[in-house]
Amino acid sequence: MASELESEKWIPLVEFSVQKGISLSTLRRYIKSNKIPWKLLEGRYLVMDDGTFISPRNHDPRTLTYINENPSPDMDTRIKNVEQALNAANEEIAELKTLVAFYEEKWAQLSKK
């Protein structure tokens, strides 16, 4: 069990964000919804880097659709692929909304000066 704990690699959010190409806001949403393993250590959030995390941002949602030599995949596979594409698009929309809100706030602050 000790060797199992030693093999776990816990890294700060910023480092994970840079390595995986995913925004901090998305990581925080993943933590809040327990989509990724995390822990709080001395006031800092750490996430486990086990090498299996694949960011939806690293994939074009259009490529998540079913691609196979079989022209008629079963309905469950098609539904799963559409749901993956939808989730990736929703996450990107949420990130864009956060960015727009940030810039609107900055614009309001600058216009008051």
PDB file of N, CA and C in Angstrom:
ATOM      1  N   MET A   1       0.819  -1.193   0.000  1.00  0.00           N
ATOM      2  CA  MET A   1       0.000   0.000   0.000  1.00  0.00           C
ATOM      3  C   MET A   1       0.862   1.255   0.000  1.00  0.00           C
ATOM      4  N   ALA A   2       2.011   1.209   0.683  1.00  0.00           N
ATOM      5  CA  ALA A   2       2.902   2.361   0.707  1.00  0.00           C
ATOM      6  C   ALA A   2       3.406   2.677  -0.693  1.00  0.00           C
ATOM      7  N   SER A   3       3.730   1.643  -1.479  1.00  0.00           N
ATOM      8  CA  SER A   3       4.204   1.887  -2.840  1.00  0.00           C
ATOM      9  C   SER A   3       3.095   2.477  -3.700  1.00  0.00           C
ATOM     10  N   GLU A   4       1.842   2.111  -3.400  1.00  0.00           N
ATOM     11  CA  GLU A   4       0.719   2.668  -4.141  1.00  0.00           C
ATOM     12  C   GLU A   4       0.593   4.164  -3.870  1.00  0.00           C
ATOM     13  N   LEU A   5       0.778   4.579  -2.602  1.00  0.00           N
ATOM     14  CA  LEU A   5       0.695   5.991  -2.267  1.00  0.00           C
ATOM     15  C   LEU A   5       1.865   6.767  -2.851  1.00  0.00           C
ATOM     16  N   GLU A   6       3.039   6.156  -2.902  1.00  0.00           N
ATOM     17  CA  GLU A   6       4.197   6.832  -3.453  1.00  0.00           C
ATOM     18  C   GLU A   6       4.046   7.062  -4.950  1.00  0.00           C
ATOM     19  N   SER A   7       3.320   6.190  -5.631  1.00  0.00           N
ATOM     20  CA  SER A   7       3.161   6.319  -7.075  1.00  0.00           C
ATOM     21  C   SER A   7       2.169   7.420  -7.447  1.00  0.00           C
ATOM     22  N   GLU A   8       1.356   7.868  -6.494  1.00  0.00           N
ATOM     23  CA  GLU A   8       0.407   8.939  -6.772  1.00  0.00           C
ATOM     24  C   GLU A   8       1.166  10.259  -6.912  1.00  0.00           C
ATOM     25  N   LYS A   9       0.822  11.016  -7.940  1.00  0.00           N
ATOM     26  CA  LYS A   9       1.479  12.289  -8.183  1.00  0.00           C
ATOM     27  C   LYS A   9       0.444  13.397  -8.049  1.00  0.00           C
ATOM     28  N   TRP A  10       0.505  14.142  -6.951  1.00  0.00           N
ATOM     29  CA  TRP A  10      -0.412  15.247  -6.698  1.00  0.00           C
ATOM     30  C   TRP A  10       0.285  16.534  -7.100  1.00  0.00           C
ATOM     31  N   ILE A  11      -0.376  17.318  -7.955  1.00  0.00           N
ATOM     32  CA  ILE A  11       0.234  18.562  -8.410  1.00  0.00           C
ATOM     33  C   ILE A  11      -0.750  19.717  -8.246  1.00  0.00           C
ATOM     34  N   PRO A  12      -0.219  20.956  -8.119  1.00  0.00           N
ATOM     35  CA  PRO A  12      -1.087  22.134  -7.980  1.00  0.00           C
ATOM     36  C   PRO A  12      -1.929  22.358  -9.233  1.00  0.00           C
ATOM     37  N   LEU A  13      -3.040  23.072  -9.052  1.00  0.00           N
ATOM     38  CA  LEU A  13      -3.966  23.319 -10.154  1.00  0.00           C
ATOM     39  C   LEU A  13      -3.297  24.017 -11.335  1.00  0.00           C
ATOM     40  N   VAL A  14      -2.465  25.019 -11.046  1.00  0.00           N
ATOM     41  CA  VAL A  14      -1.848  25.780 -12.127  1.00  0.00           C
ATOM     42  C   VAL A  14      -0.957  24.880 -12.980  1.00  0.00           C
ATOM     43  N   GLU A  15      -0.167  24.054 -12.334  1.00  0.00           N
ATOM     44  CA  GLU A  15       0.717  23.149 -13.059  1.00  0.00           C
ATOM     45  C   GLU A  15      -0.093  22.164 -13.911  1.00  0.00           C
ATOM     46  N   PHE A  16      -1.151  21.608 -13.326  1.00  0.00           N
ATOM     47  CA  PHE A  16      -2.018  20.679 -14.050  1.00  0.00           C
ATOM     48  C   PHE A  16      -2.663  21.383 -15.239  1.00  0.00           C
ATOM     49  N   SER A  17      -3.104  22.619 -15.011  1.00  0.00           N
ATOM     50  CA  SER A  17      -3.748  23.410 -16.055  1.00  0.00           C
ATOM     51  C   SER A  17      -2.824  23.598 -17.249  1.00  0.00           C
ATOM     52  N   VAL A  18      -1.578  23.949 -16.980  1.00  0.00           N
ATOM     53  CA  VAL A  18      -0.621  24.178 -18.055  1.00  0.00           C
ATOM     54  C   VAL A  18      -0.295  22.873 -18.778  1.00  0.00           C
ATOM     55  N   GLN A  19      -0.069  21.817 -18.022  1.00  0.00           N
ATOM     56  CA  GLN A  19       0.291  20.525 -18.623  1.00  0.00           C
ATOM     57  C   GLN A  19      -0.816  19.969 -19.512  1.00  0.00           C
ATOM     58  N   LYS A  20      -2.051  20.110 -19.066  1.00  0.00           N
ATOM     59  CA  LYS A  20      -3.164  19.478 -19.778  1.00  0.00           C
ATOM     60  C   LYS A  20      -3.896  20.418 -20.729  1.00  0.00           C
ATOM     61  N   GLY A  21      -3.564  21.707 -20.694  1.00  0.00           N
ATOM     62  CA  GLY A  21      -4.223  22.651 -21.588  1.00  0.00           C
ATOM     63  C   GLY A  21      -5.675  22.887 -21.250  1.00  0.00           C
ATOM     64  N   ILE A  22      -5.961  23.000 -19.966  1.00  0.00           N
ATOM     65  CA  ILE A  22      -7.333  23.203 -19.510  1.00  0.00           C
ATOM     66  C   ILE A  22      -7.342  24.387 -18.557  1.00  0.00           C
ATOM     67  N   SER A  23      -8.392  25.174 -18.580  1.00  0.00           N
ATOM     68  CA  SER A  23      -8.422  26.385 -17.767  1.00  0.00           C
ATOM     69  C   SER A  23      -8.617  26.066 -16.284  1.00  0.00           C
ATOM     70  N   LEU A  24      -8.189  27.013 -15.457  1.00  0.00           N
ATOM     71  CA  LEU A  24      -8.354  26.855 -14.015  1.00  0.00           C
ATOM     72  C   LEU A  24      -9.833  26.801 -13.627  1.00  0.00           C
ATOM     73  N   SER A  25     -10.654  27.594 -14.306  1.00  0.00           N
ATOM     74  CA  SER A  25     -12.083  27.591 -13.970  1.00  0.00           C
ATOM     75  C   SER A  25     -12.707  26.221 -14.254  1.00  0.00           C
ATOM     76  N   THR A  26     -12.284  25.581 -15.324  1.00  0.00           N
ATOM     77  CA  THR A  26     -12.788  24.245 -15.628  1.00  0.00           C
ATOM     78  C   THR A  26     -12.320  23.249 -14.585  1.00  0.00           C
ATOM     79  N   LEU A  27     -11.056  23.347 -14.187  1.00  0.00           N
ATOM     80  CA  LEU A  27     -10.551  22.452 -13.139  1.00  0.00           C
ATOM     81  C   LEU A  27     -11.339  22.630 -11.854  1.00  0.00           C
ATOM     82  N   ARG A  28     -11.640  23.870 -11.509  1.00  0.00           N
ATOM     83  CA  ARG A  28     -12.415  24.117 -10.280  1.00  0.00           C
ATOM     84  C   ARG A  28     -13.820  23.529 -10.389  1.00  0.00           C
ATOM     85  N   ARG A  29     -14.409  23.612 -11.585  1.00  0.00           N
ATOM     86  CA  ARG A  29     -15.733  22.993 -11.779  1.00  0.00           C
ATOM     87  C   ARG A  29     -15.633  21.476 -11.657  1.00  0.00           C
ATOM     88  N   TYR A  30     -14.564  20.896 -12.209  1.00  0.00           N
ATOM     89  CA  TYR A  30     -14.362  19.452 -12.091  1.00  0.00           C
ATOM     90  C   TYR A  30     -14.196  19.039 -10.632  1.00  0.00           C
ATOM     91  N   ILE A  31     -13.462  19.846  -9.866  1.00  0.00           N
ATOM     92  CA  ILE A  31     -13.274  19.543  -8.445  1.00  0.00           C
ATOM     93  C   ILE A  31     -14.611  19.621  -7.717  1.00  0.00           C
ATOM     94  N   LYS A  32     -15.356  20.686  -7.986  1.00  0.00           N
ATOM     95  CA  LYS A  32     -16.643  20.881  -7.321  1.00  0.00           C
ATOM     96  C   LYS A  32     -17.612  19.727  -7.604  1.00  0.00           C
ATOM     97  N   SER A  33     -17.547  19.188  -8.812  1.00  0.00           N
ATOM     98  CA  SER A  33     -18.447  18.092  -9.176  1.00  0.00           C
ATOM     99  C   SER A  33     -17.798  16.716  -9.010  1.00  0.00           C
ATOM    100  N   ASN A  34     -16.607  16.692  -8.402  1.00  0.00           N
ATOM    101  CA  ASN A  34     -15.857  15.445  -8.152  1.00  0.00           C
ATOM    102  C   ASN A  34     -15.620  14.627  -9.418  1.00  0.00           C
ATOM    103  N   LYS A  35     -15.343  15.299 -10.527  1.00  0.00           N
ATOM    104  CA  LYS A  35     -15.043  14.602 -11.770  1.00  0.00           C
ATOM    105  C   LYS A  35     -13.588  14.138 -11.824  1.00  0.00           C
ATOM    106  N   ILE A  36     -12.728  14.773 -11.026  1.00  0.00           N
ATOM    107  CA  ILE A  36     -11.320  14.387 -10.993  1.00  0.00           C
ATOM    108  C   ILE A  36     -10.901  14.213  -9.532  1.00  0.00           C
ATOM    109  N   PRO A  37      -9.904  13.341  -9.276  1.00  0.00           N
ATOM    110  CA  PRO A  37      -9.422  13.169  -7.905  1.00  0.00           C
ATOM    111  C   PRO A  37      -8.680  14.428  -7.440  1.00  0.00           C
ATOM    112  N   TRP A  38      -8.980  14.891  -6.229  1.00  0.00           N
ATOM    113  CA  TRP A  38      -8.351  16.094  -5.703  1.00  0.00           C
ATOM    114  C   TRP A  38      -8.220  15.987  -4.198  1.00  0.00           C
ATOM    115  N   LYS A  39      -7.386  16.858  -3.641  1.00  0.00           N
ATOM    116  CA  LYS A  39      -7.299  16.981  -2.187  1.00  0.00           C
ATOM    117  C   LYS A  39      -6.860  18.391  -1.850  1.00  0.00           C
ATOM    118  N   LEU A  40      -7.136  18.777  -0.630  1.00  0.00           N
ATOM    119  CA  LEU A  40      -6.775  20.089  -0.122  1.00  0.00           C
ATOM    120  C   LEU A  40      -5.643  19.888   0.880  1.00  0.00           C
ATOM    121  N   LEU A  41      -4.487  20.503   0.626  1.00  0.00           N
ATOM    122  CA  LEU A  41      -3.323  20.343   1.474  1.00  0.00           C
ATOM    123  C   LEU A  41      -2.766  21.714   1.791  1.00  0.00           C
ATOM    124  N   GLU A  42      -2.792  22.074   3.070  1.00  0.00           N
ATOM    125  CA  GLU A  42      -2.287  23.363   3.541  1.00  0.00           C
ATOM    126  C   GLU A  42      -2.902  24.527   2.765  1.00  0.00           C
ATOM    127  N   GLY A  43      -4.204  24.454   2.526  1.00  0.00           N
ATOM    128  CA  GLY A  43      -4.921  25.532   1.862  1.00  0.00           C
ATOM    129  C   GLY A  43      -4.789  25.552   0.348  1.00  0.00           C
ATOM    130  N   ARG A  44      -4.116  24.572  -0.227  1.00  0.00           N
ATOM    131  CA  ARG A  44      -3.926  24.517  -1.672  1.00  0.00           C
ATOM    132  C   ARG A  44      -4.623  23.280  -2.233  1.00  0.00           C
ATOM    133  N   TYR A  45      -5.312  23.488  -3.346  1.00  0.00           N
ATOM    134  CA  TYR A  45      -5.928  22.355  -4.024  1.00  0.00           C
ATOM    135  C   TYR A  45      -4.878  21.653  -4.867  1.00  0.00           C
ATOM    136  N   LEU A  46      -4.876  20.342  -4.772  1.00  0.00           N
ATOM    137  CA  LEU A  46      -3.992  19.510  -5.579  1.00  0.00           C
ATOM    138  C   LEU A  46      -4.857  18.504  -6.328  1.00  0.00           C
ATOM    139  N   VAL A  47      -4.445  18.182  -7.538  1.00  0.00           N
ATOM    140  CA  VAL A  47      -5.148  17.166  -8.311  1.00  0.00           C
ATOM    141  C   VAL A  47      -4.165  16.055  -8.655  1.00  0.00           C
ATOM    142  N   MET A  48      -4.713  14.844  -8.783  1.00  0.00           N
ATOM    143  CA  MET A  48      -3.857  13.704  -9.073  1.00  0.00           C
ATOM    144  C   MET A  48      -3.577  13.644 -10.571  1.00  0.00           C
ATOM    145  N   ASP A  49      -2.307  13.538 -10.893  1.00  0.00           N
ATOM    146  CA  ASP A  49      -1.910  13.380 -12.287  1.00  0.00           C
ATOM    147  C   ASP A  49      -1.500  11.933 -12.494  1.00  0.00           C
ATOM    148  N   ASP A  50      -2.472  11.123 -12.881  1.00  0.00           N
ATOM    149  CA  ASP A  50      -2.189   9.704 -13.101  1.00  0.00           C
ATOM    150  C   ASP A  50      -1.997   9.391 -14.576  1.00  0.00           C
ATOM    151  N   GLY A  51      -1.991  10.429 -15.401  1.00  0.00           N
ATOM    152  CA  GLY A  51      -1.748  10.238 -16.822  1.00  0.00           C
ATOM    153  C   GLY A  51      -2.969   9.840 -17.628  1.00  0.00           C
ATOM    154  N   THR A  52      -4.128   9.719 -16.992  1.00  0.00           N
ATOM    155  CA  THR A  52      -5.313   9.275 -17.722  1.00  0.00           C
ATOM    156  C   THR A  52      -6.247  10.417 -18.099  1.00  0.00           C
ATOM    157  N   PHE A  53      -6.035  11.610 -17.564  1.00  0.00           N
ATOM    158  CA  PHE A  53      -6.940  12.729 -17.827  1.00  0.00           C
ATOM    159  C   PHE A  53      -6.768  13.217 -19.260  1.00  0.00           C
ATOM    160  N   ILE A  54      -7.877  13.330 -19.974  1.00  0.00           N
ATOM    161  CA  ILE A  54      -7.869  13.891 -21.325  1.00  0.00           C
ATOM    162  C   ILE A  54      -8.856  15.048 -21.330  1.00  0.00           C
ATOM    163  N   SER A  55      -8.351  16.215 -21.601  1.00  0.00           N
ATOM    164  CA  SER A  55      -9.194  17.399 -21.621  1.00  0.00           C
ATOM    165  C   SER A  55     -10.072  17.419 -22.859  1.00  0.00           C
ATOM    166  N   PRO A  56     -11.357  17.752 -22.697  1.00  0.00           N
ATOM    167  CA  PRO A  56     -12.219  17.903 -23.871  1.00  0.00           C
ATOM    168  C   PRO A  56     -11.709  18.995 -24.805  1.00  0.00           C
ATOM    169  N   ARG A  57     -10.980  19.972 -24.258  1.00  0.00           N
ATOM    170  CA  ARG A  57     -10.438  21.063 -25.059  1.00  0.00           C
ATOM    171  C   ARG A  57      -9.396  20.549 -26.060  1.00  0.00           C
ATOM    172  N   ASN A  58      -8.733  19.452 -25.725  1.00  0.00           N
ATOM    173  CA  ASN A  58      -7.721  18.898 -26.619  1.00  0.00           C
ATOM    174  C   ASN A  58      -8.341  18.199 -27.815  1.00  0.00           C
ATOM    175  N   HIS A  59      -9.652  18.119 -27.842  1.00  0.00           N
ATOM    176  CA  HIS A  59     -10.339  17.439 -28.930  1.00  0.00           C
ATOM    177  C   HIS A  59     -11.364  18.371 -29.549  1.00  0.00           C
ATOM    178  N   ASP A  60     -11.409  18.375 -30.837  1.00  0.00           N
ATOM    179  CA  ASP A  60     -12.461  19.103 -31.531  1.00  0.00           C
ATOM    180  C   ASP A  60     -13.755  18.331 -31.312  1.00  0.00           C
ATOM    181  N   PRO A  61     -14.804  18.970 -30.785  1.00  0.00           N
ATOM    182  CA  PRO A  61     -16.052  18.239 -30.523  1.00  0.00           C
ATOM    183  C   PRO A  61     -16.579  17.499 -31.753  1.00  0.00           C
ATOM    184  N   ARG A  62     -16.273  18.009 -32.946  1.00  0.00           N
ATOM    185  CA  ARG A  62     -16.752  17.331 -34.151  1.00  0.00           C
ATOM    186  C   ARG A  62     -16.069  15.985 -34.341  1.00  0.00           C
ATOM    187  N   THR A  63     -14.864  15.813 -33.762  1.00  0.00           N
ATOM    188  CA  THR A  63     -14.161  14.549 -33.921  1.00  0.00           C
ATOM    189  C   THR A  63     -14.613  13.520 -32.901  1.00  0.00           C
ATOM    190  N   LEU A  64     -15.442  13.924 -31.939  1.00  0.00           N
ATOM    191  CA  LEU A  64     -15.928  12.981 -30.948  1.00  0.00           C
ATOM    192  C   LEU A  64     -17.105  12.160 -31.470  1.00  0.00           C
ATOM    193  N   THR A  65     -17.568  12.489 -32.664  1.00  0.00           N
ATOM    194  CA  THR A  65     -18.643  11.695 -33.233  1.00  0.00           C
ATOM    195  C   THR A  65     -18.099  10.341 -33.662  1.00  0.00           C
ATOM    196  N   TYR A  66     -18.985   9.443 -33.875  1.00  0.00           N
ATOM    197  CA  TYR A  66     -18.600   8.067 -34.176  1.00  0.00           C
ATOM    198  C   TYR A  66     -17.920   7.985 -35.535  1.00  0.00           C
ATOM    199  N   ILE A  67     -16.674   7.482 -35.547  1.00  0.00           N
ATOM    200  CA  ILE A  67     -15.950   7.267 -36.792  1.00  0.00           C
ATOM    201  C   ILE A  67     -15.465   5.826 -36.767  1.00  0.00           C
ATOM    202  N   ASN A  68     -15.942   5.039 -37.710  1.00  0.00           N
ATOM    203  CA  ASN A  68     -15.597   3.626 -37.752  1.00  0.00           C
ATOM    204  C   ASN A  68     -15.877   3.120 -39.159  1.00  0.00           C
ATOM    205  N   GLU A  69     -15.273   1.994 -39.489  1.00  0.00           N
ATOM    206  CA  GLU A  69     -15.544   1.426 -40.801  1.00  0.00           C
ATOM    207  C   GLU A  69     -16.955   0.862 -40.886  1.00  0.00           C
ATOM    208  N   ASN A  70     -17.576   0.615 -39.752  1.00  0.00           N
ATOM    209  CA  ASN A  70     -18.943   0.113 -39.716  1.00  0.00           C
ATOM    210  C   ASN A  70     -19.896   1.289 -39.966  1.00  0.00           C
ATOM    211  N   PRO A  71     -20.637   1.307 -41.074  1.00  0.00           N
ATOM    212  CA  PRO A  71     -21.472   2.463 -41.407  1.00  0.00           C
ATOM    213  C   PRO A  71     -22.697   2.635 -40.524  1.00  0.00           C
ATOM    214  N   SER A  72     -23.107   1.625 -39.772  1.00  0.00           N
ATOM    215  CA  SER A  72     -24.306   1.769 -38.951  1.00  0.00           C
ATOM    216  C   SER A  72     -24.010   1.352 -37.500  1.00  0.00           C
ATOM    217  N   PRO A  73     -23.422   2.237 -36.697  1.00  0.00           N
ATOM    218  CA  PRO A  73     -23.143   1.900 -35.305  1.00  0.00           C
ATOM    219  C   PRO A  73     -24.440   1.801 -34.510  1.00  0.00           C
ATOM    220  N   ASP A  74     -24.379   1.098 -33.412  1.00  0.00           N
ATOM    221  CA  ASP A  74     -25.587   0.969 -32.603  1.00  0.00           C
ATOM    222  C   ASP A  74     -25.945   2.314 -31.969  1.00  0.00           C
ATOM    223  N   MET A  75     -27.174   2.450 -31.601  1.00  0.00           N
ATOM    224  CA  MET A  75     -27.707   3.716 -31.112  1.00  0.00           C
ATOM    225  C   MET A  75     -27.024   4.168 -29.824  1.00  0.00           C
ATOM    226  N   ASP A  76     -26.686   3.248 -28.927  1.00  0.00           N
ATOM    227  CA  ASP A  76     -26.044   3.626 -27.669  1.00  0.00           C
ATOM    228  C   ASP A  76     -24.709   4.318 -27.915  1.00  0.00           C
ATOM    229  N   THR A  77     -23.935   3.812 -28.833  1.00  0.00           N
ATOM    230  CA  THR A  77     -22.643   4.415 -29.161  1.00  0.00           C
ATOM    231  C   THR A  77     -22.834   5.800 -29.744  1.00  0.00           C
ATOM    232  N   ARG A  78     -23.794   5.939 -30.624  1.00  0.00           N
ATOM    233  CA  ARG A  78     -24.058   7.250 -31.229  1.00  0.00           C
ATOM    234  C   ARG A  78     -24.507   8.251 -30.171  1.00  0.00           C
ATOM    235  N   ILE A  79     -25.355   7.827 -29.259  1.00  0.00           N
ATOM    236  CA  ILE A  79     -25.829   8.716 -28.197  1.00  0.00           C
ATOM    237  C   ILE A  79     -24.669   9.133 -27.303  1.00  0.00           C
ATOM    238  N   LYS A  80     -23.821   8.178 -26.929  1.00  0.00           N
ATOM    239  CA  LYS A  80     -22.675   8.488 -26.079  1.00  0.00           C
ATOM    240  C   LYS A  80     -21.754   9.507 -26.746  1.00  0.00           C
ATOM    241  N   ASN A  81     -21.513   9.357 -28.033  1.00  0.00           N
ATOM    242  CA  ASN A  81     -20.639  10.283 -28.746  1.00  0.00           C
ATOM    243  C   ASN A  81     -21.244  11.677 -28.853  1.00  0.00           C
ATOM    244  N   VAL A  82     -22.540  11.737 -29.070  1.00  0.00           N
ATOM    245  CA  VAL A  82     -23.208  13.034 -29.127  1.00  0.00           C
ATOM    246  C   VAL A  82     -23.162  13.705 -27.749  1.00  0.00           C
ATOM    247  N   GLU A  83     -23.364  12.923 -26.686  1.00  0.00           N
ATOM    248  CA  GLU A  83     -23.286  13.478 -25.335  1.00  0.00           C
ATOM    249  C   GLU A  83     -21.888  13.995 -25.034  1.00  0.00           C
ATOM    250  N   GLN A  84     -20.846  13.292 -25.473  1.00  0.00           N
ATOM    251  CA  GLN A  84     -19.475  13.766 -25.274  1.00  0.00           C
ATOM    252  C   GLN A  84     -19.252  15.092 -25.987  1.00  0.00           C
ATOM    253  N   ALA A  85     -19.715  15.183 -27.216  1.00  0.00           N
ATOM    254  CA  ALA A  85     -19.572  16.424 -27.979  1.00  0.00           C
ATOM    255  C   ALA A  85     -20.334  17.562 -27.305  1.00  0.00           C
ATOM    256  N   LEU A  86     -21.530  17.271 -26.814  1.00  0.00           N
ATOM    257  CA  LEU A  86     -22.334  18.273 -26.132  1.00  0.00           C
ATOM    258  C   LEU A  86     -21.652  18.744 -24.848  1.00  0.00           C
ATOM    259  N   ASN A  87     -21.117  17.816 -24.056  1.00  0.00           N
ATOM    260  CA  ASN A  87     -20.405  18.187 -22.829  1.00  0.00           C
ATOM    261  C   ASN A  87     -19.191  19.054 -23.123  1.00  0.00           C
ATOM    262  N   ALA A  88     -18.435  18.701 -24.153  1.00  0.00           N
ATOM    263  CA  ALA A  88     -17.267  19.501 -24.528  1.00  0.00           C
ATOM    264  C   ALA A  88     -17.692  20.908 -24.937  1.00  0.00           C
ATOM    265  N   ALA A  89     -18.765  21.005 -25.710  1.00  0.00           N
ATOM    266  CA  ALA A  89     -19.255  22.314 -26.138  1.00  0.00           C
ATOM    267  C   ALA A  89     -19.765  23.129 -24.952  1.00  0.00           C
ATOM    268  N   ASN A  90     -20.483  22.486 -24.028  1.00  0.00           N
ATOM    269  CA  ASN A  90     -20.986  23.193 -22.848  1.00  0.00           C
ATOM    270  C   ASN A  90     -19.855  23.713 -21.977  1.00  0.00           C
ATOM    271  N   GLU A  91     -18.792  22.929 -21.829  1.00  0.00           N
ATOM    272  CA  GLU A  91     -17.653  23.384 -21.035  1.00  0.00           C
ATOM    273  C   GLU A  91     -16.966  24.575 -21.693  1.00  0.00           C
ATOM    274  N   GLU A  92     -16.834  24.535 -22.994  1.00  0.00           N
ATOM    275  CA  GLU A  92     -16.217  25.654 -23.688  1.00  0.00           C
ATOM    276  C   GLU A  92     -17.096  26.897 -23.589  1.00  0.00           C
ATOM    277  N   ILE A  93     -18.399  26.733 -23.686  1.00  0.00           N
ATOM    278  CA  ILE A  93     -19.320  27.866 -23.536  1.00  0.00           C
ATOM    279  C   ILE A  93     -19.193  28.475 -22.142  1.00  0.00           C
ATOM    280  N   ALA A  94     -19.116  27.632 -21.110  1.00  0.00           N
ATOM    281  CA  ALA A  94     -18.980  28.138 -19.743  1.00  0.00           C
ATOM    282  C   ALA A  94     -17.673  28.918 -19.582  1.00  0.00           C
ATOM    283  N   GLU A  95     -16.606  28.424 -20.170  1.00  0.00           N
ATOM    284  CA  GLU A  95     -15.330  29.140 -20.099  1.00  0.00           C
ATOM    285  C   GLU A  95     -15.414  30.485 -20.818  1.00  0.00           C
ATOM    286  N   LEU A  96     -16.062  30.503 -21.965  1.00  0.00           N
ATOM    287  CA  LEU A  96     -16.210  31.751 -22.707  1.00  0.00           C
ATOM    288  C   LEU A  96     -17.076  32.753 -21.950  1.00  0.00           C
ATOM    289  N   LYS A  97     -18.123  32.280 -21.287  1.00  0.00           N
ATOM    290  CA  LYS A  97     -18.964  33.174 -20.480  1.00  0.00           C
ATOM    291  C   LYS A  97     -18.158  33.784 -19.339  1.00  0.00           C
ATOM    292  N   THR A  98     -17.310  32.982 -18.711  1.00  0.00           N
ATOM    293  CA  THR A  98     -16.446  33.487 -17.640  1.00  0.00           C
ATOM    294  C   THR A  98     -15.510  34.554 -18.173  1.00  0.00           C
ATOM    295  N   LEU A  99     -14.942  34.319 -19.332  1.00  0.00           N
ATOM    296  CA  LEU A  99     -14.024  35.274 -19.938  1.00  0.00           C
ATOM    297  C   LEU A  99     -14.742  36.571 -20.298  1.00  0.00           C
ATOM    298  N   VAL A 100     -15.935  36.472 -20.859  1.00  0.00           N
ATOM    299  CA  VAL A 100     -16.716  37.664 -21.203  1.00  0.00           C
ATOM    300  C   VAL A 100     -17.045  38.462 -19.945  1.00  0.00           C
ATOM    301  N   ALA A 101     -17.461  37.788 -18.875  1.00  0.00           N
ATOM    302  CA  ALA A 101     -17.790  38.477 -17.621  1.00  0.00           C
ATOM    303  C   ALA A 101     -16.554  39.195 -17.075  1.00  0.00           C
ATOM    304  N   PHE A 102     -15.412  38.562 -17.155  1.00  0.00           N
ATOM    305  CA  PHE A 102     -14.162  39.169 -16.685  1.00  0.00           C
ATOM    306  C   PHE A 102     -13.876  40.451 -17.467  1.00  0.00           C
ATOM    307  N   TYR A 103     -13.957  40.379 -18.802  1.00  0.00           N
ATOM    308  CA  TYR A 103     -13.667  41.554 -19.611  1.00  0.00           C
ATOM    309  C   TYR A 103     -14.722  42.644 -19.449  1.00  0.00           C
ATOM    310  N   GLU A 104     -15.962  42.275 -19.252  1.00  0.00           N
ATOM    311  CA  GLU A 104     -16.996  43.284 -18.999  1.00  0.00           C
ATOM    312  C   GLU A 104     -16.726  44.018 -17.691  1.00  0.00           C
ATOM    313  N   GLU A 105     -16.295  43.286 -16.670  1.00  0.00           N
ATOM    314  CA  GLU A 105     -15.975  43.909 -15.392  1.00  0.00           C
ATOM    315  C   GLU A 105     -14.776  44.846 -15.536  1.00  0.00           C
ATOM    316  N   LYS A 106     -13.757  44.407 -16.245  1.00  0.00           N
ATOM    317  CA  LYS A 106     -12.582  45.252 -16.478  1.00  0.00           C
ATOM    318  C   LYS A 106     -12.966  46.504 -17.258  1.00  0.00           C
ATOM    319  N   TRP A 107     -13.826  46.331 -18.260  1.00  0.00           N
ATOM    320  CA  TRP A 107     -14.249  47.472 -19.066  1.00  0.00           C
ATOM    321  C   TRP A 107     -15.000  48.497 -18.208  1.00  0.00           C
ATOM    322  N   ALA A 108     -15.854  47.987 -17.326  1.00  0.00           N
ATOM    323  CA  ALA A 108     -16.604  48.868 -16.430  1.00  0.00           C
ATOM    324  C   ALA A 108     -15.651  49.616 -15.496  1.00  0.00           C
ATOM    325  N   GLN A 109     -14.632  48.947 -15.001  1.00  0.00           N
ATOM    326  CA  GLN A 109     -13.666  49.593 -14.119  1.00  0.00           C
ATOM    327  C   GLN A 109     -12.867  50.655 -14.857  1.00  0.00           C
ATOM    328  N   LEU A 110     -12.465  50.355 -16.072  1.00  0.00           N
ATOM    329  CA  LEU A 110     -11.681  51.308 -16.864  1.00  0.00           C
ATOM    330  C   LEU A 110     -12.504  52.515 -17.295  1.00  0.00           C
ATOM    331  N   SER A 111     -13.770  52.313 -17.573  1.00  0.00           N
ATOM    332  CA  SER A 111     -14.620  53.405 -18.002  1.00  0.00           C
ATOM    333  C   SER A 111     -14.974  54.358 -16.871  1.00  0.00           C
ATOM    334  N   LYS A 112     -14.841  53.903 -15.615  1.00  0.00           N
ATOM    335  CA  LYS A 112     -15.103  54.764 -14.454  1.00  0.00           C
ATOM    336  C   LYS A 112     -13.956  55.727 -14.204  1.00  0.00           C
ATOM    337  N   LYS A 113     -12.771  55.397 -14.704  1.00  0.00           N
ATOM    338  CA  LYS A 113     -11.589  56.243 -14.451  1.00  0.00           C
ATOM    339  C   LYS A 113     -11.572  57.474 -15.278  1.00  0.00           C
TER     340      LYS A 113
END
